[in-house]
């Protein structure tokens, strides 16, 4: 097996690539006002980053509460993103 695929190195590479993607897309938004604003990018990328960090903590043998905390953060961030994206249909009478 390649040394880069052992342990947490592959997860570290994916986390770094995700953070670079976030930075490049935020920079493009700041310069051209095209694409997604930074807060929308964060809402999409934070759940995945939390899941990758949870997998990394499991591979490193960290205490169970670290993984529980990161999985909970991923779930809450995902729910917040879903709520932000949810659109009401024409027949939706929720009173708002």
N, C-alpha and C. Protein backbone atom coordinates (compact mmCIF):
# COMPACT_ATOMS: atom_id res chain seq x y z
N UNK A 1 0.84 -1.18 0.00
CA UNK A 1 0.00 0.00 0.00
C UNK A 1 0.89 1.25 0.00
N UNK A 2 0.47 2.24 -0.72
CA UNK A 2 1.22 3.49 -0.76
C UNK A 2 1.20 4.15 0.62
N UNK A 3 2.33 4.73 1.04
CA UNK A 3 2.37 5.36 2.37
C UNK A 3 1.36 6.50 2.51
N UNK A 4 1.02 7.16 1.41
CA UNK A 4 0.07 8.28 1.48
C UNK A 4 -1.35 7.79 1.79
N UNK A 5 -1.62 6.54 1.52
CA UNK A 5 -2.95 5.99 1.78
C UNK A 5 -3.07 5.38 3.18
N UNK A 6 -2.00 5.34 3.91
CA UNK A 6 -2.02 4.76 5.25
C UNK A 6 -2.35 5.82 6.29
N UNK A 7 -3.02 5.41 7.34
CA UNK A 7 -3.32 6.33 8.44
C UNK A 7 -4.26 7.44 8.01
N UNK A 8 -3.91 8.65 8.43
CA UNK A 8 -4.80 9.79 8.17
C UNK A 8 -4.30 10.69 7.04
N UNK A 9 -3.22 10.32 6.37
CA UNK A 9 -2.65 11.21 5.35
C UNK A 9 -3.64 11.52 4.23
N UNK A 10 -4.38 10.53 3.77
CA UNK A 10 -5.34 10.77 2.69
C UNK A 10 -6.44 11.72 3.14
N UNK A 11 -6.94 11.53 4.36
CA UNK A 11 -7.97 12.44 4.89
C UNK A 11 -7.39 13.84 5.02
N UNK A 12 -6.15 13.95 5.47
CA UNK A 12 -5.51 15.27 5.58
C UNK A 12 -5.42 15.96 4.23
N UNK A 13 -5.10 15.20 3.19
CA UNK A 13 -5.02 15.76 1.84
C UNK A 13 -6.39 16.25 1.38
N UNK A 14 -7.43 15.47 1.63
CA UNK A 14 -8.78 15.86 1.22
C UNK A 14 -9.24 17.09 2.00
N UNK A 15 -8.93 17.15 3.29
CA UNK A 15 -9.28 18.33 4.09
C UNK A 15 -8.56 19.57 3.54
N UNK A 16 -7.28 19.44 3.24
CA UNK A 16 -6.51 20.56 2.70
C UNK A 16 -7.07 21.00 1.34
N UNK A 17 -7.42 20.04 0.49
CA UNK A 17 -7.99 20.38 -0.82
C UNK A 17 -9.34 21.09 -0.66
N UNK A 18 -10.14 20.65 0.29
CA UNK A 18 -11.44 21.29 0.53
C UNK A 18 -11.26 22.72 1.02
N UNK A 19 -10.30 22.94 1.92
CA UNK A 19 -10.04 24.30 2.41
C UNK A 19 -9.49 25.20 1.31
N UNK A 20 -8.66 24.64 0.43
CA UNK A 20 -8.15 25.41 -0.72
C UNK A 20 -9.29 25.78 -1.67
N UNK A 21 -10.18 24.81 -1.91
CA UNK A 21 -11.34 25.08 -2.76
C UNK A 21 -12.18 26.21 -2.18
N UNK A 22 -12.42 26.14 -0.87
CA UNK A 22 -13.19 27.17 -0.17
C UNK A 22 -12.53 28.53 -0.35
N UNK A 23 -11.22 28.60 -0.17
CA UNK A 23 -10.50 29.87 -0.29
C UNK A 23 -10.58 30.42 -1.71
N UNK A 24 -10.39 29.57 -2.71
CA UNK A 24 -10.43 30.02 -4.10
C UNK A 24 -11.82 30.52 -4.47
N UNK A 25 -12.85 29.76 -4.09
CA UNK A 25 -14.22 30.18 -4.41
C UNK A 25 -14.61 31.45 -3.67
N UNK A 26 -14.16 31.61 -2.43
CA UNK A 26 -14.43 32.85 -1.70
C UNK A 26 -13.71 34.02 -2.34
N UNK A 27 -12.50 33.80 -2.81
CA UNK A 27 -11.75 34.85 -3.50
C UNK A 27 -12.45 35.26 -4.79
N UNK A 28 -12.93 34.28 -5.55
CA UNK A 28 -13.67 34.58 -6.78
C UNK A 28 -14.93 35.38 -6.49
N UNK A 29 -15.62 35.03 -5.43
CA UNK A 29 -16.83 35.76 -5.06
C UNK A 29 -16.46 37.20 -4.69
N UNK A 30 -15.40 37.37 -3.94
CA UNK A 30 -14.98 38.71 -3.52
C UNK A 30 -14.57 39.60 -4.69
N UNK A 31 -13.99 39.02 -5.71
CA UNK A 31 -13.51 39.82 -6.84
C UNK A 31 -14.58 40.04 -7.91
N UNK A 32 -15.40 39.02 -8.16
CA UNK A 32 -16.34 39.09 -9.30
C UNK A 32 -17.81 39.10 -8.90
N UNK A 33 -18.10 38.86 -7.64
CA UNK A 33 -19.48 38.77 -7.16
C UNK A 33 -20.28 37.73 -7.96
N UNK A 34 -19.61 36.64 -8.32
CA UNK A 34 -20.26 35.56 -9.06
C UNK A 34 -20.08 34.27 -8.27
N UNK A 35 -21.02 33.39 -8.43
CA UNK A 35 -20.95 32.13 -7.70
C UNK A 35 -21.71 32.24 -6.39
N UNK A 36 -21.17 31.64 -5.37
CA UNK A 36 -21.83 31.63 -4.06
C UNK A 36 -21.08 32.51 -3.07
N UNK A 37 -21.81 33.25 -2.24
CA UNK A 37 -21.12 34.04 -1.21
C UNK A 37 -20.46 33.12 -0.18
N UNK A 38 -19.55 33.69 0.61
CA UNK A 38 -18.76 32.90 1.55
C UNK A 38 -19.62 32.14 2.55
N UNK A 39 -20.68 32.74 3.05
CA UNK A 39 -21.51 32.06 4.05
C UNK A 39 -22.23 30.86 3.43
N UNK A 40 -22.60 30.93 2.15
CA UNK A 40 -23.24 29.80 1.49
C UNK A 40 -22.23 28.67 1.26
N UNK A 41 -21.00 29.04 0.92
CA UNK A 41 -19.94 28.02 0.78
C UNK A 41 -19.70 27.33 2.11
N UNK A 42 -19.65 28.10 3.18
CA UNK A 42 -19.42 27.52 4.50
C UNK A 42 -20.55 26.55 4.86
N UNK A 43 -21.79 26.94 4.58
CA UNK A 43 -22.93 26.08 4.90
C UNK A 43 -22.84 24.75 4.16
N UNK A 44 -22.26 24.75 2.97
CA UNK A 44 -22.15 23.51 2.19
C UNK A 44 -20.94 22.68 2.60
N UNK A 45 -19.83 23.31 2.95
CA UNK A 45 -18.58 22.59 3.17
C UNK A 45 -18.36 22.15 4.62
N UNK A 46 -18.92 22.87 5.58
CA UNK A 46 -18.68 22.54 6.99
C UNK A 46 -19.15 21.13 7.37
N UNK A 47 -20.34 20.68 6.93
CA UNK A 47 -20.72 19.30 7.30
C UNK A 47 -19.72 18.25 6.81
N UNK A 48 -19.25 18.37 5.60
CA UNK A 48 -18.28 17.42 5.06
C UNK A 48 -16.96 17.48 5.80
N UNK A 49 -16.52 18.69 6.14
CA UNK A 49 -15.28 18.83 6.89
C UNK A 49 -15.41 18.18 8.27
N UNK A 50 -16.55 18.37 8.91
CA UNK A 50 -16.77 17.74 10.22
C UNK A 50 -16.77 16.22 10.11
N UNK A 51 -17.36 15.67 9.05
CA UNK A 51 -17.34 14.22 8.85
C UNK A 51 -15.92 13.71 8.63
N UNK A 52 -15.13 14.45 7.84
CA UNK A 52 -13.74 14.03 7.62
C UNK A 52 -12.93 14.10 8.90
N UNK A 53 -13.17 15.12 9.71
CA UNK A 53 -12.46 15.23 10.98
C UNK A 53 -12.89 14.11 11.95
N UNK A 54 -14.17 13.71 11.89
CA UNK A 54 -14.63 12.60 12.73
C UNK A 54 -13.95 11.30 12.31
N UNK A 55 -13.85 11.06 11.01
CA UNK A 55 -13.16 9.86 10.54
C UNK A 55 -11.69 9.88 10.95
N UNK A 56 -11.08 11.05 10.86
CA UNK A 56 -9.67 11.19 11.25
C UNK A 56 -9.49 10.91 12.74
N UNK A 57 -10.41 11.42 13.56
CA UNK A 57 -10.30 11.18 15.00
C UNK A 57 -10.46 9.70 15.33
N UNK A 58 -11.32 9.00 14.59
CA UNK A 58 -11.50 7.56 14.82
C UNK A 58 -10.22 6.80 14.44
N UNK A 59 -9.62 7.18 13.32
CA UNK A 59 -8.38 6.52 12.89
C UNK A 59 -7.22 6.77 13.85
N UNK A 60 -7.23 7.91 14.49
CA UNK A 60 -6.17 8.24 15.43
C UNK A 60 -6.41 7.65 16.82
N UNK A 61 -7.60 7.04 17.01
CA UNK A 61 -7.91 6.44 18.31
C UNK A 61 -8.20 7.45 19.39
N UNK A 62 -8.73 8.60 19.01
CA UNK A 62 -9.06 9.62 20.00
C UNK A 62 -10.27 9.17 20.80
N UNK A 63 -10.51 9.78 21.96
CA UNK A 63 -11.67 9.39 22.79
C UNK A 63 -12.98 9.51 22.01
N UNK A 64 -13.94 8.70 22.37
CA UNK A 64 -15.21 8.61 21.65
C UNK A 64 -15.94 9.94 21.57
N UNK A 65 -15.79 10.77 22.60
CA UNK A 65 -16.55 12.02 22.61
C UNK A 65 -16.10 12.99 21.53
N UNK A 66 -14.87 12.88 21.04
CA UNK A 66 -14.44 13.73 19.93
C UNK A 66 -15.23 13.39 18.67
N UNK A 67 -15.37 12.10 18.39
CA UNK A 67 -16.12 11.70 17.21
C UNK A 67 -17.60 12.07 17.39
N UNK A 68 -18.15 11.86 18.58
CA UNK A 68 -19.54 12.22 18.82
C UNK A 68 -19.77 13.72 18.63
N UNK A 69 -18.84 14.52 19.12
CA UNK A 69 -18.96 15.98 18.97
C UNK A 69 -18.89 16.39 17.50
N UNK A 70 -17.96 15.81 16.76
CA UNK A 70 -17.81 16.16 15.34
C UNK A 70 -18.98 15.67 14.50
N UNK A 71 -19.50 14.48 14.80
CA UNK A 71 -20.68 13.99 14.08
C UNK A 71 -21.90 14.84 14.38
N UNK A 72 -22.04 15.28 15.64
CA UNK A 72 -23.15 16.17 16.00
C UNK A 72 -23.03 17.50 15.29
N UNK A 73 -21.82 18.04 15.22
CA UNK A 73 -21.61 19.30 14.52
C UNK A 73 -21.93 19.16 13.03
N UNK A 74 -21.56 18.02 12.44
CA UNK A 74 -21.87 17.79 11.03
C UNK A 74 -23.37 17.74 10.81
N UNK A 75 -24.08 17.05 11.69
CA UNK A 75 -25.54 16.96 11.57
C UNK A 75 -26.22 18.31 11.72
N UNK A 76 -25.79 19.08 12.71
CA UNK A 76 -26.39 20.40 12.92
C UNK A 76 -26.11 21.34 11.75
N UNK A 77 -24.88 21.30 11.23
CA UNK A 77 -24.54 22.15 10.09
C UNK A 77 -25.34 21.73 8.86
N UNK A 78 -25.53 20.43 8.68
CA UNK A 78 -26.32 19.94 7.55
C UNK A 78 -27.78 20.40 7.67
N UNK A 79 -28.35 20.28 8.86
CA UNK A 79 -29.73 20.73 9.06
C UNK A 79 -29.87 22.24 8.84
N UNK A 80 -28.89 23.01 9.28
CA UNK A 80 -28.92 24.45 9.05
C UNK A 80 -28.87 24.76 7.55
N UNK A 81 -28.05 24.03 6.81
CA UNK A 81 -27.96 24.23 5.37
C UNK A 81 -29.27 23.85 4.69
N UNK A 82 -29.87 22.73 5.10
CA UNK A 82 -31.17 22.33 4.53
C UNK A 82 -32.24 23.38 4.80
N UNK A 83 -32.27 23.90 6.01
CA UNK A 83 -33.27 24.92 6.35
C UNK A 83 -33.06 26.17 5.50
N UNK A 84 -31.81 26.53 5.28
CA UNK A 84 -31.52 27.71 4.46
C UNK A 84 -31.97 27.52 3.02
N UNK A 85 -31.81 26.30 2.50
CA UNK A 85 -32.14 26.02 1.10
C UNK A 85 -33.61 25.71 0.85
N UNK A 86 -34.33 25.32 1.88
CA UNK A 86 -35.71 24.87 1.71
C UNK A 86 -36.56 25.99 1.15
N UNK A 87 -37.28 25.68 0.08
CA UNK A 87 -38.17 26.68 -0.52
C UNK A 87 -39.61 26.23 -0.32
N UNK A 88 -40.46 27.21 -0.20
CA UNK A 88 -41.88 26.90 -0.04
C UNK A 88 -42.52 26.74 -1.41
N UNK A 89 -43.40 25.76 -1.50
CA UNK A 89 -44.12 25.55 -2.76
C UNK A 89 -45.32 26.46 -2.84
N UNK A 90 -46.00 26.48 -4.00
CA UNK A 90 -47.15 27.38 -4.19
C UNK A 90 -48.31 27.04 -3.25
N UNK A 91 -48.46 25.80 -2.82
CA UNK A 91 -49.58 25.42 -1.96
C UNK A 91 -49.22 25.36 -0.49
N UNK A 92 -48.08 25.89 -0.12
CA UNK A 92 -47.61 25.81 1.27
C UNK A 92 -48.25 26.92 2.10
N UNK A 93 -49.11 26.54 3.03
CA UNK A 93 -49.79 27.51 3.88
C UNK A 93 -49.31 27.35 5.32
N UNK A 94 -48.10 27.76 5.59
CA UNK A 94 -47.56 27.62 6.94
C UNK A 94 -47.80 28.85 7.77
N UNK A 95 -48.39 29.87 7.22
CA UNK A 95 -48.70 31.07 7.97
C UNK A 95 -47.60 32.11 7.93
N UNK A 96 -46.53 31.85 7.26
CA UNK A 96 -45.46 32.85 7.19
C UNK A 96 -45.45 33.53 5.84
